[in-house]
Protein backbone atom coordinates (compact mmCIF):
# COMPACT_ATOMS: atom_id res chain seq x y z
CA MET A 1 32.93 -29.48 -48.62
CA PHE A 2 33.92 -26.14 -47.25
CA ARG A 3 30.00 -25.26 -46.69
CA ARG A 4 30.20 -28.85 -44.46
CA LEU A 5 33.47 -27.30 -42.68
CA SER A 6 31.86 -23.84 -42.11
CA LEU A 7 28.72 -25.57 -40.54
CA VAL A 8 31.11 -27.72 -38.28
CA SER A 9 33.10 -24.83 -36.95
CA THR A 10 30.04 -22.41 -36.15
CA CYS A 11 28.61 -25.16 -34.03
CA ILE A 12 31.72 -25.79 -32.24
CA THR A 13 32.12 -22.17 -31.91
CA LEU A 14 28.63 -21.85 -30.36
CA LEU A 15 29.04 -24.72 -28.22
CA VAL A 16 32.45 -23.65 -26.99
CA GLY A 17 30.89 -20.18 -26.22
CA CYS A 18 27.64 -21.21 -24.20
CA ASP A 19 27.91 -21.19 -20.61
CA PHE A 20 27.02 -24.65 -18.89
CA VAL A 21 25.21 -23.87 -15.63
CA PRO A 22 25.32 -27.47 -13.65
CA GLN A 23 22.25 -27.92 -11.01
CA HIS A 24 22.97 -27.75 -7.56
CA THR A 25 21.85 -29.05 -4.07
CA THR A 26 21.45 -26.05 -1.97
CA LYS A 27 21.98 -27.13 2.04
CA GLY A 28 21.38 -23.57 3.51
CA SER A 29 23.68 -21.06 1.82
CA VAL A 30 26.04 -23.87 0.79
CA ASP A 31 25.69 -25.51 -3.12
CA PHE A 32 26.55 -29.12 -3.18
CA PRO A 33 26.50 -29.99 -6.78
CA TYR A 34 26.53 -33.88 -5.52
CA GLY A 35 25.10 -33.53 -1.80
CA PRO A 36 23.08 -36.09 -0.57
CA GLU A 37 19.29 -35.90 -1.51
CA THR A 38 17.88 -39.17 -0.29
CA PHE A 39 19.00 -42.14 2.13
CA GLN A 40 17.68 -45.40 3.16
CA ILE A 41 18.10 -47.90 5.83
CA HIS A 42 20.16 -50.71 3.52
CA LEU A 43 19.17 -54.15 3.25
CA LEU A 44 22.59 -55.30 4.74
CA SER A 45 21.38 -54.09 8.27
CA ARG A 46 20.62 -56.70 10.57
CA LEU A 47 20.88 -57.95 14.30
CA GLU A 48 24.04 -60.21 14.54
CA SER A 49 23.26 -63.39 16.45
CA SER A 50 25.82 -65.90 18.11
CA PRO A 51 25.26 -69.78 17.64
CA GLU A 52 23.47 -69.87 20.67
CA GLY A 53 20.52 -67.88 19.06
CA GLN A 54 21.76 -64.77 21.40
CA VAL A 55 21.67 -61.46 19.99
CA PRO A 56 25.39 -59.96 20.63
CA GLY A 57 24.76 -56.78 18.48
CA ALA A 58 23.78 -55.07 15.19
CA ILE A 59 24.73 -53.74 12.25
CA VAL A 60 23.27 -50.60 10.55
CA CYS A 61 23.62 -49.63 7.22
CA VAL A 62 22.84 -46.09 5.90
CA GLU A 63 22.93 -45.21 2.22
CA PHE A 64 23.19 -41.72 0.96
CA ASP A 65 22.14 -40.81 -2.79
CA ASP A 66 22.86 -37.58 -4.52
CA ARG A 67 20.34 -36.31 -6.99
CA ASP A 68 21.71 -38.87 -9.93
CA GLY A 69 20.67 -41.83 -7.49
CA GLN A 70 24.45 -42.34 -6.96
CA ALA A 71 25.80 -43.44 -3.42
CA THR A 72 27.72 -40.19 -1.82
CA ARG A 73 28.86 -39.11 1.73
CA ALA A 74 27.19 -36.90 3.65
CA THR A 75 27.41 -34.27 6.61
CA GLY A 76 24.82 -33.47 9.09
CA LEU A 77 23.71 -35.49 12.26
CA LEU A 78 22.99 -39.40 11.81
CA GLU A 79 20.53 -40.27 14.67
CA ILE A 80 19.99 -44.41 14.88
CA ASN A 81 16.96 -45.74 17.23
CA LEU A 82 16.41 -48.68 17.82
CA THR A 83 12.87 -49.69 20.10
CA ILE A 84 12.84 -53.07 22.01
CA PRO A 85 8.91 -53.56 22.94
CA ASP A 86 8.75 -53.14 26.88
CA GLN A 87 12.53 -52.05 27.27
CA ALA A 88 14.68 -48.67 26.71
CA SER A 89 15.25 -47.80 23.46
CA LEU A 90 18.99 -48.06 22.32
CA GLU A 91 19.82 -44.57 20.47
CA ARG A 92 23.21 -43.75 18.80
CA ALA A 93 24.26 -40.78 17.15
CA PHE A 94 27.24 -39.57 14.86
CA ASP A 95 28.21 -35.94 14.15
CA LEU A 96 28.94 -36.62 10.21
CA ASN A 97 30.60 -33.00 10.01
CA ASN A 98 33.51 -34.23 12.28
CA LEU A 99 35.47 -35.70 9.69
CA LYS A 100 37.10 -38.22 12.17
CA ILE A 101 33.73 -39.55 13.01
CA ASN A 102 32.45 -39.25 9.34
CA GLU A 103 35.73 -41.42 8.37
CA SER A 104 35.20 -44.23 11.03
CA VAL A 105 31.38 -45.11 10.20
CA TRP A 106 31.84 -44.74 6.46
CA ASN A 107 32.48 -47.94 4.40
CA ARG A 108 34.41 -47.59 1.58
CA THR A 109 33.72 -50.91 -0.08
CA THR A 110 30.21 -50.95 0.41
CA ARG A 111 29.81 -46.93 -0.16
CA MET A 112 27.77 -46.80 3.11
CA TYR A 113 27.81 -45.60 6.71
CA GLN A 114 27.96 -48.59 8.58
CA VAL A 115 27.40 -48.50 12.24
CA ASN A 116 28.11 -51.44 14.54
CA ILE A 117 26.26 -51.60 17.41
CA PRO A 118 28.06 -54.05 19.83
CA PHE A 119 26.16 -56.49 22.32
CA ASP A 120 23.61 -54.35 24.59
CA PRO A 121 21.50 -56.17 27.05
CA ILE A 122 18.53 -54.53 25.33
CA LEU A 123 19.25 -56.42 22.27
CA ALA A 124 19.01 -59.72 24.45
CA HIS A 125 15.19 -59.04 24.21
CA ALA A 126 14.41 -58.28 20.51
CA PRO A 127 11.62 -60.46 19.22
CA GLU A 128 11.78 -62.93 16.65
CA GLY A 129 9.82 -60.85 13.92
CA GLY A 130 12.62 -58.30 14.53
CA VAL A 131 13.39 -54.53 15.93
CA PRO A 132 11.97 -51.51 14.99
CA ILE A 133 14.62 -48.94 13.77
CA LYS A 134 14.20 -45.33 13.11
CA VAL A 135 17.21 -43.70 11.34
CA THR A 136 16.92 -39.85 11.31
CA TRP A 137 19.51 -37.42 9.26
CA THR A 138 19.40 -34.00 9.96
CA SER A 139 21.48 -32.21 7.03
CA ILE A 140 23.65 -29.28 7.73
CA ASP A 141 20.68 -26.76 7.02
CA GLY A 142 19.22 -28.36 10.07
CA LYS A 143 16.12 -30.13 7.99
CA PRO A 144 15.25 -33.67 9.42
CA ILE A 145 14.67 -36.47 7.46
CA MET A 146 13.28 -40.06 8.45
CA GLU A 147 13.43 -43.40 7.37
CA GLN A 148 12.11 -46.39 9.80
CA GLY A 149 11.97 -50.14 9.19
CA ILE A 150 12.87 -53.63 11.11
CA LEU A 151 15.90 -54.93 11.72
CA ARG A 152 15.68 -58.78 11.61
CA ALA A 153 18.60 -61.21 12.62
CA LEU A 154 20.13 -63.25 9.77
CA ASN A 155 18.82 -66.66 9.77
CA LEU A 156 21.41 -68.60 7.51
CA LYS A 157 20.23 -72.16 8.55
């Protein structure tokens, strides 16, 4: 019994005495243990259509994931570009370093950034197959990462 207790106390002493070194994500010269590693254009992103079939706007949802695959907030520049064939592109940019802007586009429920793009005449010319979308995130260390996809209207019929 004494031998078992001394073995347990030795193990506890060794564990307590060891330094735990967490893995950090480095962005520039700043270490973020749970900063974003990747992002995606989420499936909740869509063109919003009215009952008349017109496209009044769009909702773009962007999810950032940390090194453990958990949804997280981000800093940096978030740029959204919708391209309609034979039309000018529709661009929006959000400086996520600005805390008020960051908070205004963050959706606590979905744990994603949700950008609402109100009606724009360009969206009225959206083809049935959807609109090409490009989202670029430039992290605080200046490295841009881009994702592309197709933004489609929800068909609830």
